[in-house]
């Protein structure tokens, strides 16, 4: 029983660390400029700005962010399938 409690405490600690990293990544901004194209993106992969030949492409930013969000949802679903196995482990 104490082993399971210790494991839960370790999982909470890991979760807290992951949340801190996610927050730090969201605050990071990466800017890449090649020729007439400039992209600004956060460390957590949210596109902030796309500029082509000096013209901002807000619609492109919106569509790309939607695509990234959907890909994360698919990945989260796959991870949830795997984490279901962990849930059954702790119920034993």
N, C-alpha and C. Protein backbone atom coordinates (compact mmCIF):
# COMPACT_ATOMS: atom_id res chain seq x y z
N UNK A 1 0.81 -1.19 0.00
CA UNK A 1 0.00 0.00 0.00
C UNK A 1 0.86 1.26 0.00
N UNK A 2 1.92 1.25 0.84
CA UNK A 2 2.79 2.42 0.90
C UNK A 2 3.55 2.62 -0.40
N UNK A 3 3.86 1.51 -1.08
CA UNK A 3 4.53 1.62 -2.38
C UNK A 3 3.64 2.37 -3.38
N UNK A 4 2.37 2.06 -3.37
CA UNK A 4 1.45 2.73 -4.30
C UNK A 4 1.33 4.21 -3.96
N UNK A 5 1.29 4.54 -2.67
CA UNK A 5 1.23 5.95 -2.28
C UNK A 5 2.51 6.68 -2.69
N UNK A 6 3.63 6.00 -2.53
CA UNK A 6 4.91 6.60 -2.93
C UNK A 6 4.93 6.82 -4.45
N UNK A 7 4.41 5.85 -5.19
CA UNK A 7 4.35 5.97 -6.65
C UNK A 7 3.45 7.13 -7.06
N UNK A 8 2.33 7.28 -6.37
CA UNK A 8 1.42 8.39 -6.67
C UNK A 8 2.08 9.73 -6.38
N UNK A 9 2.84 9.80 -5.30
CA UNK A 9 3.55 11.04 -4.96
C UNK A 9 4.59 11.36 -6.03
N UNK A 10 5.28 10.35 -6.51
CA UNK A 10 6.27 10.54 -7.57
C UNK A 10 5.60 11.01 -8.87
N UNK A 11 4.45 10.43 -9.19
CA UNK A 11 3.71 10.85 -10.39
C UNK A 11 3.26 12.30 -10.27
N UNK A 12 2.81 12.70 -9.09
CA UNK A 12 2.40 14.09 -8.88
C UNK A 12 3.60 15.02 -9.05
N UNK A 13 4.73 14.63 -8.51
CA UNK A 13 5.94 15.44 -8.63
C UNK A 13 6.32 15.60 -10.11
N UNK A 14 6.27 14.51 -10.85
CA UNK A 14 6.59 14.55 -12.28
C UNK A 14 5.59 15.44 -13.02
N UNK A 15 4.32 15.33 -12.68
CA UNK A 15 3.27 16.14 -13.32
C UNK A 15 3.53 17.62 -13.07
N UNK A 16 3.87 17.96 -11.83
CA UNK A 16 4.16 19.36 -11.50
C UNK A 16 5.35 19.88 -12.30
N UNK A 17 6.38 19.05 -12.45
CA UNK A 17 7.55 19.45 -13.23
C UNK A 17 7.19 19.67 -14.69
N UNK A 18 6.36 18.80 -15.24
CA UNK A 18 5.92 18.93 -16.63
C UNK A 18 5.13 20.22 -16.81
N UNK A 19 4.28 20.52 -15.85
CA UNK A 19 3.48 21.75 -15.94
C UNK A 19 4.37 23.00 -15.90
N UNK A 20 5.42 22.97 -15.09
CA UNK A 20 6.36 24.10 -15.04
C UNK A 20 7.08 24.26 -16.37
N UNK A 21 7.48 23.16 -16.96
CA UNK A 21 8.17 23.19 -18.25
C UNK A 21 7.23 23.72 -19.33
N UNK A 22 5.97 23.27 -19.33
CA UNK A 22 5.00 23.73 -20.31
C UNK A 22 4.79 25.24 -20.20
N UNK A 23 4.72 25.76 -18.98
CA UNK A 23 4.54 27.19 -18.77
C UNK A 23 5.74 27.97 -19.31
N UNK A 24 6.94 27.47 -19.02
CA UNK A 24 8.16 28.13 -19.49
C UNK A 24 8.22 28.12 -21.02
N UNK A 25 7.84 27.01 -21.63
CA UNK A 25 7.84 26.91 -23.09
C UNK A 25 6.85 27.89 -23.72
N UNK A 26 5.69 28.04 -23.10
CA UNK A 26 4.68 28.96 -23.63
C UNK A 26 5.18 30.40 -23.64
N UNK A 27 6.08 30.72 -22.75
CA UNK A 27 6.61 32.08 -22.66
C UNK A 27 7.79 32.33 -23.61
N UNK A 28 8.39 31.27 -24.11
CA UNK A 28 9.51 31.39 -25.05
C UNK A 28 9.00 31.79 -26.43
N UNK A 29 9.73 32.61 -27.13
CA UNK A 29 9.40 32.95 -28.51
C UNK A 29 10.62 32.69 -29.38
N UNK A 30 10.39 31.97 -30.46
CA UNK A 30 11.44 31.65 -31.42
C UNK A 30 11.10 32.34 -32.72
N UNK A 31 12.06 33.04 -33.26
CA UNK A 31 11.85 33.76 -34.52
C UNK A 31 12.83 33.22 -35.55
N UNK A 32 12.28 32.84 -36.70
CA UNK A 32 13.11 32.35 -37.80
C UNK A 32 12.79 33.20 -39.02
N UNK A 33 13.84 33.68 -39.65
CA UNK A 33 13.66 34.51 -40.84
C UNK A 33 14.61 34.00 -41.92
N UNK A 34 14.02 33.69 -43.05
CA UNK A 34 14.80 33.25 -44.21
C UNK A 34 14.26 33.98 -45.43
N UNK A 35 15.10 34.77 -46.01
CA UNK A 35 14.68 35.55 -47.17
C UNK A 35 13.53 36.46 -46.81
N UNK A 36 12.45 36.34 -47.54
CA UNK A 36 11.28 37.19 -47.34
C UNK A 36 10.24 36.57 -46.42
N UNK A 37 10.60 35.49 -45.73
CA UNK A 37 9.65 34.79 -44.87
C UNK A 37 10.13 34.86 -43.43
N UNK A 38 9.21 35.24 -42.54
CA UNK A 38 9.51 35.31 -41.11
C UNK A 38 8.40 34.57 -40.36
N UNK A 39 8.81 33.73 -39.40
CA UNK A 39 7.87 32.99 -38.57
C UNK A 39 8.25 33.20 -37.11
N UNK A 40 7.24 33.49 -36.29
CA UNK A 40 7.44 33.60 -34.85
C UNK A 40 6.53 32.56 -34.20
N UNK A 41 7.13 31.72 -33.36
CA UNK A 41 6.40 30.62 -32.74
C UNK A 41 6.83 30.52 -31.28
N UNK A 42 5.93 30.05 -30.43
CA UNK A 42 6.27 29.86 -29.02
C UNK A 42 6.93 28.50 -28.84
N UNK A 43 7.55 28.33 -27.69
CA UNK A 43 8.20 27.06 -27.38
C UNK A 43 7.22 25.91 -27.25
N UNK A 44 5.94 26.23 -27.02
CA UNK A 44 4.93 25.17 -26.96
C UNK A 44 4.19 25.02 -28.30
N UNK A 45 4.80 25.50 -29.35
CA UNK A 45 4.38 25.29 -30.74
C UNK A 45 3.10 26.03 -31.13
N UNK A 46 2.89 27.20 -30.59
CA UNK A 46 1.78 28.04 -31.04
C UNK A 46 2.37 29.12 -31.96
N UNK A 47 1.89 29.18 -33.18
CA UNK A 47 2.39 30.15 -34.14
C UNK A 47 1.81 31.51 -33.80
N UNK A 48 2.68 32.49 -33.64
CA UNK A 48 2.25 33.84 -33.31
C UNK A 48 2.15 34.73 -34.54
N UNK A 49 3.08 34.53 -35.48
CA UNK A 49 3.13 35.42 -36.63
C UNK A 49 3.80 34.74 -37.82
N UNK A 50 3.24 34.99 -38.98
CA UNK A 50 3.87 34.61 -40.25
C UNK A 50 3.85 35.85 -41.13
N UNK A 51 5.00 36.15 -41.66
CA UNK A 51 5.11 37.32 -42.53
C UNK A 51 5.83 36.89 -43.80
N UNK A 52 5.21 37.17 -44.94
CA UNK A 52 5.81 36.84 -46.24
C UNK A 52 5.90 38.13 -47.04
N UNK A 53 7.11 38.43 -47.44
CA UNK A 53 7.38 39.66 -48.19
C UNK A 53 6.79 40.88 -47.49
N UNK A 54 6.97 40.94 -46.17
CA UNK A 54 6.51 42.09 -45.38
C UNK A 54 5.03 42.11 -45.08
N UNK A 55 4.29 41.12 -45.55
CA UNK A 55 2.84 41.08 -45.34
C UNK A 55 2.48 39.98 -44.34
N UNK A 56 1.79 40.37 -43.27
CA UNK A 56 1.38 39.40 -42.26
C UNK A 56 0.27 38.50 -42.81
N UNK A 57 0.36 37.24 -42.46
CA UNK A 57 -0.60 36.23 -42.94
C UNK A 57 -1.39 35.67 -41.75
N UNK A 58 -2.30 36.47 -41.23
CA UNK A 58 -3.06 36.08 -40.04
C UNK A 58 -3.94 34.85 -40.29
N UNK A 59 -4.54 34.75 -41.45
CA UNK A 59 -5.40 33.59 -41.75
C UNK A 59 -4.58 32.31 -41.76
N UNK A 60 -3.40 32.36 -42.33
CA UNK A 60 -2.50 31.20 -42.34
C UNK A 60 -2.12 30.80 -40.92
N UNK A 61 -1.86 31.79 -40.07
CA UNK A 61 -1.54 31.53 -38.66
C UNK A 61 -2.70 30.78 -38.00
N UNK A 62 -3.93 31.26 -38.23
CA UNK A 62 -5.11 30.62 -37.63
C UNK A 62 -5.25 29.16 -38.08
N UNK A 63 -5.12 28.93 -39.37
CA UNK A 63 -5.30 27.57 -39.91
C UNK A 63 -4.20 26.63 -39.40
N UNK A 64 -2.97 27.11 -39.38
CA UNK A 64 -1.87 26.27 -38.88
C UNK A 64 -2.04 25.96 -37.40
N UNK A 65 -2.48 26.93 -36.60
CA UNK A 65 -2.70 26.67 -35.18
C UNK A 65 -3.83 25.66 -34.96
N UNK A 66 -4.86 25.71 -35.80
CA UNK A 66 -5.93 24.71 -35.71
C UNK A 66 -5.39 23.31 -36.04
N UNK A 67 -4.55 23.23 -37.06
CA UNK A 67 -3.97 21.93 -37.43
C UNK A 67 -3.08 21.39 -36.31
N UNK A 68 -2.30 22.26 -35.71
CA UNK A 68 -1.44 21.84 -34.59
C UNK A 68 -2.30 21.37 -33.42
N UNK A 69 -3.38 22.09 -33.12
CA UNK A 69 -4.27 21.71 -32.03
C UNK A 69 -4.87 20.32 -32.28
N UNK A 70 -5.33 20.09 -33.50
CA UNK A 70 -5.91 18.77 -33.82
C UNK A 70 -4.88 17.66 -33.70
N UNK A 71 -3.65 17.93 -34.13
CA UNK A 71 -2.62 16.89 -34.02
C UNK A 71 -2.31 16.58 -32.56
N UNK A 72 -2.35 17.60 -31.70
CA UNK A 72 -2.15 17.38 -30.26
C UNK A 72 -3.28 16.56 -29.67
N UNK A 73 -4.52 16.82 -30.12
CA UNK A 73 -5.66 16.05 -29.63
C UNK A 73 -5.53 14.58 -30.01
N UNK A 74 -5.07 14.32 -31.23
CA UNK A 74 -4.86 12.93 -31.67
C UNK A 74 -3.78 12.29 -30.79
N UNK A 75 -2.68 13.01 -30.57
CA UNK A 75 -1.60 12.49 -29.75
C UNK A 75 -2.07 12.24 -28.32
N UNK A 76 -2.87 13.16 -27.77
CA UNK A 76 -3.39 13.00 -26.41
C UNK A 76 -4.28 11.77 -26.31
N UNK A 77 -5.07 11.52 -27.35
CA UNK A 77 -5.91 10.34 -27.36
C UNK A 77 -5.09 9.06 -27.33
N UNK A 78 -4.01 9.05 -28.10
CA UNK A 78 -3.13 7.87 -28.12
C UNK A 78 -2.46 7.68 -26.76
N UNK A 79 -2.02 8.78 -26.15
CA UNK A 79 -1.39 8.70 -24.82
C UNK A 79 -2.38 8.25 -23.77
N UNK A 80 -3.64 8.68 -23.91
CA UNK A 80 -4.66 8.28 -22.96
C UNK A 80 -4.91 6.78 -23.03
N UNK A 81 -4.83 6.21 -24.23
CA UNK A 81 -4.98 4.77 -24.38
C UNK A 81 -3.90 4.05 -23.57
N UNK A 82 -2.68 4.55 -23.67
CA UNK A 82 -1.56 3.94 -22.95
C UNK A 82 -1.71 4.17 -21.45
N UNK A 83 -2.12 5.38 -21.06
CA UNK A 83 -2.23 5.68 -19.63
C UNK A 83 -3.36 4.90 -18.98
N UNK A 84 -4.30 4.42 -19.77
CA UNK A 84 -5.35 3.55 -19.23
C UNK A 84 -4.74 2.31 -18.61
N UNK A 85 -3.65 1.83 -19.18
CA UNK A 85 -2.95 0.69 -18.62
C UNK A 85 -2.37 1.04 -17.26
N UNK A 86 -1.90 2.26 -17.07
CA UNK A 86 -1.35 2.69 -15.78
C UNK A 86 -2.46 2.75 -14.73
N UNK A 87 -3.63 3.22 -15.15
CA UNK A 87 -4.75 3.31 -14.21
C UNK A 87 -5.10 1.94 -13.66
N UNK A 88 -5.14 0.94 -14.53
CA UNK A 88 -5.46 -0.40 -14.07
C UNK A 88 -4.37 -0.95 -13.16
N UNK A 89 -3.12 -0.51 -13.38
CA UNK A 89 -2.00 -0.94 -12.53
C UNK A 89 -2.23 -0.44 -11.10
N UNK A 90 -2.67 0.79 -10.93
CA UNK A 90 -2.84 1.35 -9.60
C UNK A 90 -4.09 0.83 -8.91
N UNK A 91 -5.01 0.27 -9.66
CA UNK A 91 -6.23 -0.28 -9.07
C UNK A 91 -6.00 -1.65 -8.48
N UNK A 92 -4.89 -2.27 -8.82
CA UNK A 92 -4.62 -3.63 -8.31
C UNK A 92 -4.42 -3.65 -6.82
